[in-house]
């Protein structure tokens, strides 16, 4: 049989120099507001989450919609630069 070691009630893993009574209490989620201010978080509805499983898919779809909307407002033209002269066709 093994010998039982006697442990005192105060025996724990922390050293005696840690005095929790002097430590400042920190609330849960103290950086949540700071994090939100630097990011653009959007909550998706359940049906949308099924269609777009990750952020890459959501961003890709939104870019496509933005590009189509921009093309519709500009009449499908990509630039308003000078028109190029038509190329003449020569028989080969």
PDB file of N, CA and C in Angstrom:
ATOM      1  N   UNK A   1       0.824  -1.180   0.000  1.00  0.00           N
ATOM      2  CA  UNK A   1       0.000   0.000   0.000  1.00  0.00           C
ATOM      3  C   UNK A   1       0.865   1.240   0.000  1.00  0.00           C
ATOM      4  N   UNK A   2       0.342   2.265  -0.671  1.00  0.00           N
ATOM      5  CA  UNK A   2       1.083   3.517  -0.722  1.00  0.00           C
ATOM      6  C   UNK A   2       0.774   4.338   0.509  1.00  0.00           C
ATOM      7  N   UNK A   3       1.740   5.118   0.861  1.00  0.00           N
ATOM      8  CA  UNK A   3       1.577   6.014   1.990  1.00  0.00           C
ATOM      9  C   UNK A   3       0.823   7.255   1.558  1.00  0.00           C
ATOM     10  N   UNK A   4      -0.137   7.680   2.327  1.00  0.00           N
ATOM     11  CA  UNK A   4      -0.865   8.903   2.019  1.00  0.00           C
ATOM     12  C   UNK A   4      -0.034  10.091   2.449  1.00  0.00           C
ATOM     13  N   UNK A   5       0.029  11.073   1.559  1.00  0.00           N
ATOM     14  CA  UNK A   5       0.747  12.289   1.925  1.00  0.00           C
ATOM     15  C   UNK A   5      -0.238  13.235   2.576  1.00  0.00           C
ATOM     16  N   UNK A   6       0.208  13.877   3.588  1.00  0.00           N
ATOM     17  CA  UNK A   6      -0.679  14.815   4.272  1.00  0.00           C
ATOM     18  C   UNK A   6      -0.605  16.165   3.577  1.00  0.00           C
ATOM     19  N   UNK A   7      -1.758  16.705   3.241  1.00  0.00           N
ATOM     20  CA  UNK A   7      -1.824  18.012   2.592  1.00  0.00           C
ATOM     21  C   UNK A   7      -2.608  18.942   3.489  1.00  0.00           C
ATOM     22  N   UNK A   8      -2.154  20.149   3.525  1.00  0.00           N
ATOM     23  CA  UNK A   8      -2.884  21.139   4.303  1.00  0.00           C
ATOM     24  C   UNK A   8      -3.975  21.748   3.441  1.00  0.00           C
ATOM     25  N   UNK A   9      -4.912  22.428   4.050  1.00  0.00           N
ATOM     26  CA  UNK A   9      -6.010  23.050   3.315  1.00  0.00           C
ATOM     27  C   UNK A   9      -5.516  24.159   2.397  1.00  0.00           C
ATOM     28  N   UNK A  10      -4.423  24.818   2.758  1.00  0.00           N
ATOM     29  CA  UNK A  10      -3.896  25.926   1.968  1.00  0.00           C
ATOM     30  C   UNK A  10      -2.969  25.468   0.845  1.00  0.00           C
ATOM     31  N   UNK A  11      -2.751  24.178   0.723  1.00  0.00           N
ATOM     32  CA  UNK A  11      -1.827  23.660  -0.283  1.00  0.00           C
ATOM     33  C   UNK A  11      -2.482  23.742  -1.669  1.00  0.00           C
ATOM     34  N   UNK A  12      -1.910  24.553  -2.552  1.00  0.00           N
ATOM     35  CA  UNK A  12      -2.397  24.654  -3.921  1.00  0.00           C
ATOM     36  C   UNK A  12      -1.233  24.950  -4.851  1.00  0.00           C
ATOM     37  N   UNK A  13      -1.525  25.162  -6.122  1.00  0.00           N
ATOM     38  CA  UNK A  13      -0.477  25.351  -7.118  1.00  0.00           C
ATOM     39  C   UNK A  13       0.105  26.755  -7.131  1.00  0.00           C
ATOM     40  N   UNK A  14      -0.548  27.707  -6.516  1.00  0.00           N
ATOM     41  CA  UNK A  14      -0.089  29.088  -6.558  1.00  0.00           C
ATOM     42  C   UNK A  14       0.901  29.377  -5.446  1.00  0.00           C
ATOM     43  N   UNK A  15       1.841  30.207  -5.778  1.00  0.00           N
ATOM     44  CA  UNK A  15       2.826  30.623  -4.780  1.00  0.00           C
ATOM     45  C   UNK A  15       2.193  31.616  -3.814  1.00  0.00           C
ATOM     46  N   UNK A  16       2.720  31.730  -2.629  1.00  0.00           N
ATOM     47  CA  UNK A  16       2.131  32.630  -1.634  1.00  0.00           C
ATOM     48  C   UNK A  16       2.265  34.113  -1.988  1.00  0.00           C
ATOM     49  N   UNK A  17       3.132  34.476  -2.940  1.00  0.00           N
ATOM     50  CA  UNK A  17       3.287  35.899  -3.261  1.00  0.00           C
ATOM     51  C   UNK A  17       2.121  36.459  -4.074  1.00  0.00           C
ATOM     52  N   UNK A  18       1.245  35.596  -4.579  1.00  0.00           N
ATOM     53  CA  UNK A  18       0.069  36.076  -5.307  1.00  0.00           C
ATOM     54  C   UNK A  18      -1.015  36.449  -4.307  1.00  0.00           C
ATOM     55  N   UNK A  19      -1.348  37.719  -4.262  1.00  0.00           N
ATOM     56  CA  UNK A  19      -2.382  38.196  -3.355  1.00  0.00           C
ATOM     57  C   UNK A  19      -3.538  38.736  -4.190  1.00  0.00           C
ATOM     58  N   UNK A  20      -4.575  37.926  -4.336  1.00  0.00           N
ATOM     59  CA  UNK A  20      -5.699  38.296  -5.184  1.00  0.00           C
ATOM     60  C   UNK A  20      -6.510  39.456  -4.623  1.00  0.00           C
ATOM     61  N   UNK A  21      -6.393  39.716  -3.359  1.00  0.00           N
ATOM     62  CA  UNK A  21      -7.142  40.835  -2.780  1.00  0.00           C
ATOM     63  C   UNK A  21      -6.612  42.175  -3.280  1.00  0.00           C
ATOM     64  N   UNK A  22      -5.360  42.215  -3.735  1.00  0.00           N
ATOM     65  CA  UNK A  22      -4.762  43.457  -4.234  1.00  0.00           C
ATOM     66  C   UNK A  22      -4.901  43.614  -5.752  1.00  0.00           C
ATOM     67  N   UNK A  23      -5.357  42.557  -6.429  1.00  0.00           N
ATOM     68  CA  UNK A  23      -5.465  42.603  -7.888  1.00  0.00           C
ATOM     69  C   UNK A  23      -6.753  43.284  -8.316  1.00  0.00           C
ATOM     70  N   UNK A  24      -6.655  43.992  -9.422  1.00  0.00           N
ATOM     71  CA  UNK A  24      -7.804  44.693  -9.979  1.00  0.00           C
ATOM     72  C   UNK A  24      -8.711  43.672 -10.668  1.00  0.00           C
ATOM     73  N   UNK A  25     -10.004  43.803 -10.454  1.00  0.00           N
ATOM     74  CA  UNK A  25     -10.949  42.915 -11.119  1.00  0.00           C
ATOM     75  C   UNK A  25     -11.156  43.393 -12.548  1.00  0.00           C
ATOM     76  N   UNK A  26     -11.120  42.474 -13.468  1.00  0.00           N
ATOM     77  CA  UNK A  26     -11.281  42.793 -14.879  1.00  0.00           C
ATOM     78  C   UNK A  26     -12.578  42.150 -15.347  1.00  0.00           C
ATOM     79  N   UNK A  27     -13.405  42.934 -16.015  1.00  0.00           N
ATOM     80  CA  UNK A  27     -14.683  42.430 -16.491  1.00  0.00           C
ATOM     81  C   UNK A  27     -14.537  41.594 -17.742  1.00  0.00           C
ATOM     82  N   UNK A  28     -15.533  40.808 -17.990  1.00  0.00           N
ATOM     83  CA  UNK A  28     -15.535  39.944 -19.161  1.00  0.00           C
ATOM     84  C   UNK A  28     -15.846  40.776 -20.408  1.00  0.00           C
ATOM     85  N   UNK A  29     -15.121  40.537 -21.475  1.00  0.00           N
ATOM     86  CA  UNK A  29     -15.363  41.230 -22.741  1.00  0.00           C
ATOM     87  C   UNK A  29     -14.969  42.692 -22.731  1.00  0.00           C
ATOM     88  N   UNK A  30     -13.905  43.027 -22.015  1.00  0.00           N
ATOM     89  CA  UNK A  30     -13.527  44.435 -21.888  1.00  0.00           C
ATOM     90  C   UNK A  30     -13.024  45.024 -23.202  1.00  0.00           C
ATOM     91  N   UNK A  31     -12.578  44.187 -24.123  1.00  0.00           N
ATOM     92  CA  UNK A  31     -12.062  44.685 -25.397  1.00  0.00           C
ATOM     93  C   UNK A  31     -13.075  44.528 -26.528  1.00  0.00           C
ATOM     94  N   UNK A  32     -14.275  44.097 -26.237  1.00  0.00           N
ATOM     95  CA  UNK A  32     -15.272  43.852 -27.285  1.00  0.00           C
ATOM     96  C   UNK A  32     -15.610  45.126 -28.054  1.00  0.00           C
ATOM     97  N   UNK A  33     -15.798  46.227 -27.365  1.00  0.00           N
ATOM     98  CA  UNK A  33     -16.153  47.481 -28.034  1.00  0.00           C
ATOM     99  C   UNK A  33     -15.010  47.983 -28.912  1.00  0.00           C
ATOM    100  N   UNK A  34     -13.792  47.864 -28.421  1.00  0.00           N
ATOM    101  CA  UNK A  34     -12.625  48.281 -29.206  1.00  0.00           C
ATOM    102  C   UNK A  34     -12.491  47.418 -30.454  1.00  0.00           C
ATOM    103  N   UNK A  35     -12.760  46.120 -30.323  1.00  0.00           N
ATOM    104  CA  UNK A  35     -12.674  45.210 -31.457  1.00  0.00           C
ATOM    105  C   UNK A  35     -13.735  45.565 -32.501  1.00  0.00           C
ATOM    106  N   UNK A  36     -14.949  45.821 -32.047  1.00  0.00           N
ATOM    107  CA  UNK A  36     -16.028  46.157 -32.966  1.00  0.00           C
ATOM    108  C   UNK A  36     -15.769  47.453 -33.710  1.00  0.00           C
ATOM    109  N   UNK A  37     -15.127  48.405 -33.070  1.00  0.00           N
ATOM    110  CA  UNK A  37     -14.893  49.688 -33.726  1.00  0.00           C
ATOM    111  C   UNK A  37     -13.900  49.563 -34.875  1.00  0.00           C
ATOM    112  N   UNK A  38     -13.031  48.570 -34.841  1.00  0.00           N
ATOM    113  CA  UNK A  38     -12.042  48.398 -35.893  1.00  0.00           C
ATOM    114  C   UNK A  38     -12.451  47.412 -36.962  1.00  0.00           C
ATOM    115  N   UNK A  39     -13.601  46.789 -36.817  1.00  0.00           N
ATOM    116  CA  UNK A  39     -14.048  45.806 -37.795  1.00  0.00           C
ATOM    117  C   UNK A  39     -15.483  46.090 -38.185  1.00  0.00           C
ATOM    118  N   UNK A  40     -15.921  45.416 -39.205  1.00  0.00           N
ATOM    119  CA  UNK A  40     -17.290  45.557 -39.669  1.00  0.00           C
ATOM    120  C   UNK A  40     -17.955  44.190 -39.551  1.00  0.00           C
ATOM    121  N   UNK A  41     -18.545  43.919 -38.400  1.00  0.00           N
ATOM    122  CA  UNK A  41     -19.189  42.637 -38.170  1.00  0.00           C
ATOM    123  C   UNK A  41     -20.638  42.703 -38.613  1.00  0.00           C
ATOM    124  N   UNK A  42     -21.073  41.662 -39.302  1.00  0.00           N
ATOM    125  CA  UNK A  42     -22.448  41.589 -39.766  1.00  0.00           C
ATOM    126  C   UNK A  42     -22.987  40.217 -39.397  1.00  0.00           C
ATOM    127  N   UNK A  43     -24.165  40.184 -38.806  1.00  0.00           N
ATOM    128  CA  UNK A  43     -24.794  38.914 -38.470  1.00  0.00           C
ATOM    129  C   UNK A  43     -25.681  38.482 -39.628  1.00  0.00           C
ATOM    130  N   UNK A  44     -25.498  37.244 -40.059  1.00  0.00           N
ATOM    131  CA  UNK A  44     -26.274  36.717 -41.172  1.00  0.00           C
ATOM    132  C   UNK A  44     -27.435  35.883 -40.651  1.00  0.00           C
ATOM    133  N   UNK A  45     -28.560  35.944 -41.341  1.00  0.00           N
ATOM    134  CA  UNK A  45     -29.689  35.094 -40.995  1.00  0.00           C
ATOM    135  C   UNK A  45     -29.341  33.644 -41.307  1.00  0.00           C
ATOM    136  N   UNK A  46     -30.084  32.737 -40.691  1.00  0.00           N
ATOM    137  CA  UNK A  46     -29.786  31.310 -40.808  1.00  0.00           C
ATOM    138  C   UNK A  46     -29.812  30.836 -42.260  1.00  0.00           C
ATOM    139  N   UNK A  47     -30.798  31.272 -43.043  1.00  0.00           N
ATOM    140  CA  UNK A  47     -30.881  30.818 -44.431  1.00  0.00           C
ATOM    141  C   UNK A  47     -29.714  31.339 -45.265  1.00  0.00           C
ATOM    142  N   UNK A  48     -29.237  32.532 -44.959  1.00  0.00           N
ATOM    143  CA  UNK A  48     -28.084  33.091 -45.673  1.00  0.00           C
ATOM    144  C   UNK A  48     -26.819  32.332 -45.284  1.00  0.00           C
ATOM    145  N   UNK A  49     -26.704  31.967 -44.014  1.00  0.00           N
ATOM    146  CA  UNK A  49     -25.529  31.209 -43.556  1.00  0.00           C
ATOM    147  C   UNK A  49     -25.412  29.875 -44.273  1.00  0.00           C
ATOM    148  N   UNK A  50     -26.545  29.273 -44.590  1.00  0.00           N
ATOM    149  CA  UNK A  50     -26.505  27.990 -45.302  1.00  0.00           C
ATOM    150  C   UNK A  50     -25.961  28.168 -46.716  1.00  0.00           C
ATOM    151  N   UNK A  51     -26.299  29.289 -47.340  1.00  0.00           N
ATOM    152  CA  UNK A  51     -25.843  29.547 -48.710  1.00  0.00           C
ATOM    153  C   UNK A  51     -24.386  29.982 -48.760  1.00  0.00           C
ATOM    154  N   UNK A  52     -23.931  30.667 -47.711  1.00  0.00           N
ATOM    155  CA  UNK A  52     -22.566  31.192 -47.670  1.00  0.00           C
ATOM    156  C   UNK A  52     -21.880  30.694 -46.401  1.00  0.00           C
ATOM    157  N   UNK A  53     -21.178  29.581 -46.477  1.00  0.00           N
ATOM    158  CA  UNK A  53     -20.610  28.972 -45.275  1.00  0.00           C
ATOM    159  C   UNK A  53     -19.434  29.722 -44.655  1.00  0.00           C
ATOM    160  N   UNK A  54     -18.768  30.596 -45.409  1.00  0.00           N
ATOM    161  CA  UNK A  54     -17.615  31.293 -44.827  1.00  0.00           C
ATOM    162  C   UNK A  54     -17.520  32.719 -45.371  1.00  0.00           C
ATOM    163  N   UNK A  55     -16.631  33.498 -44.784  1.00  0.00           N
ATOM    164  CA  UNK A  55     -16.505  34.909 -45.149  1.00  0.00           C
ATOM    165  C   UNK A  55     -16.011  35.102 -46.575  1.00  0.00           C
ATOM    166  N   UNK A  56     -15.231  34.175 -47.078  1.00  0.00           N
ATOM    167  CA  UNK A  56     -14.725  34.289 -48.448  1.00  0.00           C
ATOM    168  C   UNK A  56     -15.880  34.258 -49.451  1.00  0.00           C
ATOM    169  N   UNK A  57     -16.825  33.366 -49.232  1.00  0.00           N
ATOM    170  CA  UNK A  57     -17.970  33.252 -50.137  1.00  0.00           C
ATOM    171  C   UNK A  57     -18.870  34.489 -50.058  1.00  0.00           C
ATOM    172  N   UNK A  58     -19.065  35.012 -48.858  1.00  0.00           N
ATOM    173  CA  UNK A  58     -19.885  36.217 -48.690  1.00  0.00           C
ATOM    174  C   UNK A  58     -19.234  37.388 -49.413  1.00  0.00           C
ATOM    175  N   UNK A  59     -17.942  37.582 -49.214  1.00  0.00           N
ATOM    176  CA  UNK A  59     -17.233  38.694 -49.856  1.00  0.00           C
ATOM    177  C   UNK A  59     -17.261  38.572 -51.375  1.00  0.00           C
ATOM    178  N   UNK A  60     -17.085  37.361 -51.882  1.00  0.00           N
ATOM    179  CA  UNK A  60     -17.102  37.152 -53.327  1.00  0.00           C
ATOM    180  C   UNK A  60     -18.468  37.518 -53.918  1.00  0.00           C
ATOM    181  N   UNK A  61     -19.535  37.099 -53.253  1.00  0.00           N
ATOM    182  CA  UNK A  61     -20.887  37.408 -53.738  1.00  0.00           C
ATOM    183  C   UNK A  61     -21.166  38.907 -53.672  1.00  0.00           C
ATOM    184  N   UNK A  62     -20.761  39.548 -52.597  1.00  0.00           N
ATOM    185  CA  UNK A  62     -20.997  40.989 -52.464  1.00  0.00           C
ATOM    186  C   UNK A  62     -20.201  41.788 -53.489  1.00  0.00           C
ATOM    187  N   UNK A  63     -18.979  41.369 -53.782  1.00  0.00           N
ATOM    188  CA  UNK A  63     -18.188  42.056 -54.814  1.00  0.00           C
ATOM    189  C   UNK A  63     -18.851  41.934 -56.185  1.00  0.00           C
ATOM    190  N   UNK A  64     -19.392  40.746 -56.462  1.00  0.00           N
ATOM    191  CA  UNK A  64     -20.058  40.533 -57.739  1.00  0.00           C
ATOM    192  C   UNK A  64     -21.295  41.431 -57.848  1.00  0.00           C
ATOM    193  N   UNK A  65     -22.073  41.513 -56.787  1.00  0.00           N
ATOM    194  CA  UNK A  65     -23.264  42.373 -56.790  1.00  0.00           C
ATOM    195  C   UNK A  65     -22.865  43.833 -56.956  1.00  0.00           C
ATOM    196  N   UNK A  66     -21.818  44.261 -56.262  1.00  0.00           N
ATOM    197  CA  UNK A  66     -21.360  45.650 -56.360  1.00  0.00           C
ATOM    198  C   UNK A  66     -20.883  45.964 -57.774  1.00  0.00           C
ATOM    199  N   UNK A  67     -20.175  45.022 -58.398  1.00  0.00           N
ATOM    200  CA  UNK A  67     -19.683  45.236 -59.760  1.00  0.00           C
ATOM    201  C   UNK A  67     -20.848  45.340 -60.745  1.00  0.00           C
ATOM    202  N   UNK A  68     -21.836  44.467 -60.605  1.00  0.00           N
ATOM    203  CA  UNK A  68     -23.002  44.499 -61.496  1.00  0.00           C
ATOM    204  C   UNK A  68     -23.782  45.792 -61.306  1.00  0.00           C
ATOM    205  N   UNK A  69     -23.964  46.209 -60.063  1.00  0.00           N
ATOM    206  CA  UNK A  69     -24.688  47.456 -59.793  1.00  0.00           C
ATOM    207  C   UNK A  69     -23.956  48.649 -60.388  1.00  0.00           C
ATOM    208  N   UNK A  70     -22.636  48.656 -60.301  1.00  0.00           N
ATOM    209  CA  UNK A  70     -21.849  49.758 -60.857  1.00  0.00           C
ATOM    210  C   UNK A  70     -21.958  49.782 -62.378  1.00  0.00           C
ATOM    211  N   UNK A  71     -21.917  48.610 -63.001  1.00  0.00           N
ATOM    212  CA  UNK A  71     -22.035  48.541 -64.459  1.00  0.00           C
ATOM    213  C   UNK A  71     -23.404  49.014 -64.923  1.00  0.00           C
ATOM    214  N   UNK A  72     -24.439  48.728 -64.161  1.00  0.00           N
ATOM    215  CA  UNK A  72     -25.786  49.160 -64.544  1.00  0.00           C
ATOM    216  C   UNK A  72     -25.943  50.667 -64.421  1.00  0.00           C
ATOM    217  N   UNK A  73     -25.305  51.263 -63.428  1.00  0.00           N
ATOM    218  CA  UNK A  73     -25.425  52.715 -63.265  1.00  0.00           C
ATOM    219  C   UNK A  73     -24.586  53.469 -64.290  1.00  0.00           C
ATOM    220  N   UNK A  74     -23.518  52.864 -64.786  1.00  0.00           N
ATOM    221  CA  UNK A  74     -22.680  53.520 -65.797  1.00  0.00           C
ATOM    222  C   UNK A  74     -23.058  53.075 -67.202  1.00  0.00           C
ATOM    223  N   UNK A  75     -24.100  52.284 -67.339  1.00  0.00           N
ATOM    224  CA  UNK A  75     -24.535  51.843 -68.658  1.00  0.00           C
ATOM    225  C   UNK A  75     -23.650  50.758 -69.234  1.00  0.00           C
ATOM    226  N   UNK A  76     -22.952  50.034 -68.399  1.00  0.00           N
ATOM    227  CA  UNK A  76     -22.112  48.951 -68.865  1.00  0.00           C
ATOM    228  C   UNK A  76     -20.739  49.383 -69.307  1.00  0.00           C
ATOM    229  N   UNK A  77     -20.489  50.694 -69.339  1.00  0.00           N
ATOM    230  CA  UNK A  77     -19.171  51.182 -69.747  1.00  0.00           C
ATOM    231  C   UNK A  77     -18.215  51.084 -68.574  1.00  0.00           C
ATOM    232  N   UNK A  78     -17.036  50.637 -68.853  1.00  0.00           N
ATOM    233  CA  UNK A  78     -16.046  50.507 -67.795  1.00  0.00           C
ATOM    234  C   UNK A  78     -15.223  51.764 -67.624  1.00  0.00           C
ATOM    235  N   UNK A  79     -15.052  52.537 -68.701  1.00  0.00           N
ATOM    236  CA  UNK A  79     -14.281  53.777 -68.588  1.00  0.00           C
ATOM    237  C   UNK A  79     -14.893  54.818 -69.506  1.00  0.00           C
ATOM    238  N   UNK A  80     -14.579  56.058 -69.248  1.00  0.00           N
ATOM    239  CA  UNK A  80     -15.096  57.151 -70.067  1.00  0.00           C
ATOM    240  C   UNK A  80     -13.968  57.797 -70.865  1.00  0.00           C
ATOM    241  N   UNK A  81     -12.991  57.007 -71.227  1.00  0.00           N
ATOM    242  CA  UNK A  81     -11.852  57.524 -71.975  1.00  0.00           C
ATOM    243  C   UNK A  81     -12.195  57.740 -73.442  1.00  0.00           C
ATOM    244  N   UNK A  82     -11.175  58.112 -74.227  1.00  0.00           N
ATOM    245  CA  UNK A  82     -11.381  58.351 -75.654  1.00  0.00           C
ATOM    246  C   UNK A  82     -11.728  57.057 -76.358  1.00  0.00           C
ATOM    247  N   UNK A  83     -12.556  57.197 -77.383  1.00  0.00           N
ATOM    248  CA  UNK A  83     -12.898  56.027 -78.182  1.00  0.00           C
ATOM    249  C   UNK A  83     -11.741  55.721 -79.118  1.00  0.00           C
ATOM    250  N   UNK A  84     -11.495  54.461 -79.309  1.00  0.00           N
ATOM    251  CA  UNK A  84     -10.429  54.063 -80.221  1.00  0.00           C
ATOM    252  C   UNK A  84     -10.977  54.019 -81.642  1.00  0.00           C
ATOM    253  N   UNK A  85     -10.131  54.379 -82.594  1.00  0.00           N
ATOM    254  CA  UNK A  85     -10.521  54.325 -84.002  1.00  0.00           C
ATOM    255  C   UNK A  85     -10.683  52.867 -84.401  1.00  0.00           C
ATOM    256  N   UNK A  86     -11.701  52.573 -85.220  1.00  0.00           N
ATOM    257  CA  UNK A  86     -11.896  51.179 -85.643  1.00  0.00           C
ATOM    258  C   UNK A  86     -10.719  50.706 -86.484  1.00  0.00           C
ATOM    259  N   UNK A  87     -10.372  49.471 -86.315  1.00  0.00           N
ATOM    260  CA  UNK A  87      -9.260  48.891 -87.078  1.00  0.00           C
ATOM    261  C   UNK A  87      -9.728  48.567 -88.493  1.00  0.00           C
ATOM    262  N   UNK A  88      -8.878  48.841 -89.437  1.00  0.00           N
ATOM    263  CA  UNK A  88      -9.231  48.514 -90.818  1.00  0.00           C
ATOM    264  C   UNK A  88      -8.835  47.073 -91.086  1.00  0.00           C
ATOM    265  N   UNK A  89      -9.701  46.414 -91.822  1.00  0.00           N
ATOM    266  CA  UNK A  89      -9.422  45.017 -92.133  1.00  0.00           C
ATOM    267  C   UNK A  89      -8.732  44.946 -93.484  1.00  0.00           C
ATOM    268  N   UNK A  90      -7.677  44.214 -93.536  1.00  0.00           N
ATOM    269  CA  UNK A  90      -6.969  44.026 -94.804  1.00  0.00           C
ATOM    270  C   UNK A  90      -7.023  42.564 -95.162  1.00  0.00           C
ATOM    271  N   UNK A  91      -7.168  42.280 -96.438  1.00  0.00           N
ATOM    272  CA  UNK A  91      -7.210  40.893 -96.888  1.00  0.00           C
ATOM    273  C   UNK A  91      -5.811  40.318 -96.852  1.00  0.00           C
ATOM    274  N   UNK A  92      -5.727  39.131 -96.349  1.00  0.00           N
ATOM    275  CA  UNK A  92      -4.412  38.508 -96.250  1.00  0.00           C
ATOM    276  C   UNK A  92      -4.144  37.556 -97.357  1.00  0.00           C
TER     277      UNK A  92
END
